[in-house]
Amino acid sequence: MKRAASIVLLVAVAVAISGDGPAAASATAASHFSHRDHAGRKVAIAACETCHAIDAKAQVVAPAALGHSPCLSAGCHVTYFLATGAAAKKADPAAYARATAFCLGCHDSQDGVPPAPWSKPTTGMALASFQYEREYHVEMNHFEHALRAECRTCHIVDDRSFALVKSAPGHAQCAGCHNPAKFPQFTMASCGLCHDKPARAEYFEGTRPKVDVRACDSEGQAAFAARGKRALGCFRHERAEHRTADGAPVQCAACHYMIGDKSKWGRRRYQTLHDLHTEAVIDNSQDREHKSCGRSTACHKVDVDAARAGAKCTLCHAEKSAF
């Protein structure tokens, strides 16, 4: 059964399991691989390790690193690989169209033509969108990790733009601890310990409670602009001053202190990733948030001191202060 799993877990479209059976793939459009559809064909999709391999550095490698052989070995998709050549296109256009749709589920095309299965695809031929999960979400005990590691160990910041790197946290960050040497009881080979159903969009449904802090590109900032008021500043993470202090990286919990301080949870909960998607991560009060920005050595000491005439509440606060 594990052998059968390796046949289809690399394939990017839900197609017929036999070249002689009815085709499920569109002749004109590609669709991505579906674990659910293949499970319906009795494929052991729970055997993740048959396709999702781990390299010598404990990194998870892309399924394509195993080549096409898993898709070919039991004959499930052999006919598609054989129908992509010029001769097949001329002899059986319909079969060629189905084969093309199959290939384009994983590979970008060159003028609508997929790479030949016997050739090495050029750089960029693998679809970038194929890397993202559609049927699973990732969950972890975020609070316990925050107690054991610094935030910026996983949340990587670009040195030039000061923006968070979109691919992080990812397998590369997890492998720093979850490897046979440091954490043998929970390595990267244990896919099911983090990846689970339902899909990300379904699992993380819901939004955080609205607060009065106006970050750039937030609802508060958009509402202010829509009402035609004068332009105001807004908070942006992507500044050197917000990412570093005294030459050291600013850790997320320095301002989002509830993430690493259970005594500040109150009636809320910040244990899992789901909690972080549904609970406020900014304290809408004049407590530790103001201290983070306005302590004696911080940039905004005068700005956040409401007792002073020069206080600039509207630097961060939205409608309540601005209108």
Foldseek 3Di string as FASTA:
>chain_A
DLLLQLQQPQWFALFFQAPPDDTPFDLAAAHGRDPVSVVVVVRPVVQVCSQQPADPLLFTDHSCVVANCSNPVVRRCVQLLVQQDPVNCVVPVSSNSSSLNRQVSFFDADVSRQDRSVDDDDPPGGDPVNPDDFAKAFKDFLQVVVVVDFQCLFQPADPPQRDTDPCTPDRVSVSVQQDCVRNVVGGPSPVVVTIDDGGPCVLLPAAEDDAFWFAPPDPQQVVCVVVPDDDAAHHDCRDPQNQDDPRHGDTPCQQLVVSHDVVPQVPADNGMPSSVGYYDSHDRDCPSNVCSQQPPPHDCVVQCPPVDPNHPPRNTGGDVPPD
